[in-house]
Protein backbone atom coordinates (compact mmCIF):
# COMPACT_ATOMS: atom_id res chain seq x y z
CA UNK A 1 31.89 106.34 -103.75
CA UNK A 2 34.13 107.11 -106.73
CA UNK A 3 35.88 110.37 -106.04
CA UNK A 4 36.73 112.74 -103.17
CA UNK A 5 37.05 116.50 -103.47
CA UNK A 6 39.98 117.91 -101.52
CA UNK A 7 40.06 121.62 -100.80
CA UNK A 8 43.47 122.87 -99.71
CA UNK A 9 45.95 125.71 -99.88
CA UNK A 10 47.76 127.11 -102.88
CA UNK A 11 50.59 127.47 -100.37
CA UNK A 12 52.43 124.66 -98.57
CA UNK A 13 52.17 126.48 -95.25
CA UNK A 14 54.92 127.00 -92.72
CA UNK A 15 55.52 123.41 -91.63
CA UNK A 16 56.48 120.29 -93.59
CA UNK A 17 53.75 118.28 -91.86
CA UNK A 18 51.14 119.87 -94.15
CA UNK A 19 52.82 118.51 -97.28
CA UNK A 20 53.48 115.17 -95.60
CA UNK A 21 49.82 114.82 -94.68
CA UNK A 22 48.74 115.82 -98.21
CA UNK A 23 50.86 112.94 -99.54
CA UNK A 24 49.46 110.58 -96.92
CA UNK A 25 45.91 111.61 -97.76
CA UNK A 26 46.58 110.94 -101.45
CA UNK A 27 47.97 107.50 -100.59
CA UNK A 28 44.88 106.64 -98.55
CA UNK A 29 42.48 107.93 -101.22
CA UNK A 30 44.32 105.85 -103.80
CA UNK A 31 44.37 102.75 -101.55
CA UNK A 32 40.56 103.01 -101.32
CA UNK A 33 40.43 102.99 -105.15
CA UNK A 34 39.02 106.50 -105.18
CA UNK A 35 39.84 109.40 -107.47
CA UNK A 36 40.64 112.99 -106.59
CA UNK A 37 38.81 116.15 -107.68
CA UNK A 38 40.48 119.41 -106.75
CA UNK A 39 41.24 122.98 -107.84
CA UNK A 40 43.59 122.09 -110.68
CA UNK A 41 46.69 123.94 -109.47
CA UNK A 42 50.29 122.78 -109.42
CA UNK A 43 51.18 125.01 -106.47
CA UNK A 44 51.03 124.54 -102.71
CA UNK A 45 49.23 121.63 -101.10
CA UNK A 46 47.12 121.36 -104.25
CA UNK A 47 50.21 120.44 -106.26
CA UNK A 48 51.49 118.10 -103.55
CA UNK A 49 48.32 116.01 -103.34
CA UNK A 50 47.87 115.91 -107.13
CA UNK A 51 51.49 114.90 -107.71
CA UNK A 52 51.27 112.09 -105.17
CA UNK A 53 48.01 110.75 -106.64
CA UNK A 54 49.55 110.82 -110.12
CA UNK A 55 52.74 109.15 -108.88
CA UNK A 56 50.56 106.31 -107.57
CA UNK A 57 48.69 106.04 -110.87
CA UNK A 58 45.44 107.47 -109.51
CA UNK A 59 42.79 109.53 -111.22
CA UNK A 60 43.13 113.28 -110.70
CA UNK A 61 40.62 115.71 -112.14
CA UNK A 62 41.44 119.38 -111.76
CA UNK A 63 39.01 122.25 -112.25
CA UNK A 64 40.49 125.69 -112.74
CA UNK A 65 39.04 129.07 -113.74
CA UNK A 66 40.24 130.54 -117.05
CA UNK A 67 41.96 133.43 -115.26
CA UNK A 68 44.14 131.12 -113.14
CA UNK A 69 44.81 128.95 -116.17
CA UNK A 70 46.14 132.06 -117.93
CA UNK A 71 48.39 132.77 -114.93
CA UNK A 72 49.95 129.37 -115.66
CA UNK A 73 49.28 127.82 -112.26
CA UNK A 74 47.38 124.87 -113.75
CA UNK A 75 48.81 121.40 -113.29
CA UNK A 76 49.88 120.07 -116.69
CA UNK A 77 49.95 116.32 -115.96
CA UNK A 78 46.45 115.56 -114.67
CA UNK A 79 44.13 112.79 -115.78
CA UNK A 80 41.79 115.60 -116.81
CA UNK A 81 41.91 119.39 -116.51
CA UNK A 82 38.64 121.26 -116.86
CA UNK A 83 38.85 125.00 -117.47
CA UNK A 84 35.77 126.95 -116.38
CA UNK A 85 34.72 130.59 -116.50
CA UNK A 86 34.91 131.56 -112.84
CA UNK A 87 35.23 130.41 -109.23
CA UNK A 88 31.51 129.68 -108.88
CA UNK A 89 31.66 127.25 -111.80
CA UNK A 90 34.83 125.74 -110.37
CA UNK A 91 33.25 125.00 -107.00
CA UNK A 92 30.12 123.57 -108.56
CA UNK A 93 32.05 121.35 -110.98
CA UNK A 94 34.35 119.98 -108.27
CA UNK A 95 31.31 119.30 -106.12
CA UNK A 96 29.49 117.55 -108.98
CA UNK A 97 32.52 115.36 -109.66
CA UNK A 98 32.86 114.24 -106.04
CA UNK A 99 31.02 112.00 -103.60
CA UNK A 100 32.58 113.49 -100.46
CA UNK A 101 34.58 116.60 -99.55
CA UNK A 102 37.62 117.18 -97.35
CA UNK A 103 39.28 120.40 -96.28
CA UNK A 104 43.00 120.31 -95.57
CA UNK A 105 44.79 123.37 -94.22
CA UNK A 106 44.40 126.37 -96.47
CA UNK A 107 43.28 129.97 -96.60
CA UNK A 108 39.99 131.75 -97.14
CA UNK A 109 39.32 129.97 -100.44
CA UNK A 110 39.53 126.61 -98.69
CA UNK A 111 37.20 127.90 -95.98
CA UNK A 112 34.70 129.11 -98.55
CA UNK A 113 34.71 125.78 -100.38
CA UNK A 114 34.25 123.58 -97.32
CA UNK A 115 31.68 125.89 -95.76
CA UNK A 116 29.62 125.91 -98.93
CA UNK A 117 29.57 122.10 -99.02
CA UNK A 118 28.80 122.03 -95.27
CA UNK A 119 25.97 124.57 -95.67
CA UNK A 120 24.44 122.59 -98.52
CA UNK A 121 24.47 119.50 -96.30
CA UNK A 122 22.85 121.40 -93.44
CA UNK A 123 20.12 122.66 -95.76
CA UNK A 124 19.50 119.20 -97.19
CA UNK A 125 20.64 120.03 -100.74
CA UNK A 126 22.84 116.92 -100.78
CA UNK A 127 23.90 113.96 -98.68
CA UNK A 128 27.62 113.95 -99.40
CA UNK A 129 29.80 113.60 -96.32
CA UNK A 130 32.02 116.57 -95.52
CA UNK A 131 35.19 116.38 -93.46
CA UNK A 132 38.08 118.40 -92.12
CA UNK A 133 41.59 116.97 -91.88
CA UNK A 134 42.81 118.73 -88.76
CA UNK A 135 46.54 118.55 -89.46
CA UNK A 136 48.66 119.63 -86.50
CA UNK A 137 45.63 121.23 -84.79
CA UNK A 138 45.18 123.65 -87.70
CA UNK A 139 41.37 123.58 -87.39
CA UNK A 140 41.06 123.46 -83.58
CA UNK A 141 39.85 127.06 -83.50
CA UNK A 142 37.30 126.36 -86.23
CA UNK A 143 35.92 123.46 -84.20
CA UNK A 144 35.75 125.75 -81.16
CA UNK A 145 33.96 128.42 -83.21
CA UNK A 146 31.36 125.92 -84.42
CA UNK A 147 30.85 124.73 -80.83
CA UNK A 148 30.33 128.38 -79.86
CA UNK A 149 27.69 128.67 -82.60
CA UNK A 150 25.93 125.63 -81.14
CA UNK A 151 26.16 127.02 -77.61
CA UNK A 152 24.58 130.30 -78.73
CA UNK A 153 21.86 128.53 -80.79
CA UNK A 154 23.06 129.67 -84.23
CA UNK A 155 23.88 126.10 -85.28
CA UNK A 156 22.11 122.91 -84.31
CA UNK A 157 24.32 120.34 -82.63
CA UNK A 158 23.19 117.64 -85.07
CA UNK A 159 24.18 119.88 -87.98
CA UNK A 160 27.58 120.62 -86.47
CA UNK A 161 28.21 116.89 -86.16
CA UNK A 162 27.79 116.51 -89.94
CA UNK A 163 31.16 118.23 -90.42
CA UNK A 164 33.54 115.42 -89.52
CA UNK A 165 36.79 116.50 -87.87
CA UNK A 166 39.74 114.12 -87.62
CA UNK A 167 43.50 114.51 -87.34
CA UNK A 168 44.14 111.07 -88.86
CA UNK A 169 43.70 110.96 -92.66
CA UNK A 170 42.95 107.23 -92.74
CA UNK A 171 40.28 107.50 -90.06
CA UNK A 172 38.75 110.50 -91.80
CA UNK A 173 38.53 108.71 -95.16
CA UNK A 174 36.98 105.66 -93.48
CA UNK A 175 34.46 107.86 -91.69
CA UNK A 176 33.52 109.58 -94.96
CA UNK A 177 33.24 106.33 -96.91
CA UNK A 178 31.03 104.76 -94.22
CA UNK A 179 29.06 107.86 -93.21
CA UNK A 180 25.32 107.50 -92.60
CA UNK A 181 23.21 110.61 -92.17
CA UNK A 182 21.21 110.30 -88.98
CA UNK A 183 19.47 113.64 -88.69
CA UNK A 184 16.39 114.76 -90.53
CA UNK A 185 16.58 118.31 -91.77
CA UNK A 186 13.64 120.63 -91.33
CA UNK A 187 13.14 120.97 -95.09
CA UNK A 188 11.81 117.45 -95.62
């Protein structure tokens, strides 16, 4: 494993714990000698995690659509900034650059990114581990929703278990780094 994609908010949220955990996650990623791939912004949790990785001397690759680059929300001090045409290209490039994916608290864009990676895992398009850093119980309702999908037979339990939830960033990184896929998807 060389690099982890982190999907997170362009806002810092309403509590300082979100920024604190973004810094902690960056410190753990760096301590594992891993790089960061993310959305390329200098705002919100995106800026916090990128700044901390850079402060530590870590590799940070940002991928940002041309339109957001023109709005001047791109981080100027990254190891590498890749400007792409649109959000679809952005998601694909971040995914290609990474060996695992993590969602921190964020909005609908964060949800879209992590769910796309999760769906691709479920369908057998890749074998990259996908995790959710459940800071301050932020994703408790998402976990409950996925359990409801399992209960009502819209999601297989073994597929739900592929999305790793943890409230401890160090445990989550260790789980992602050491993850072994144990289910066989129906497509093989």
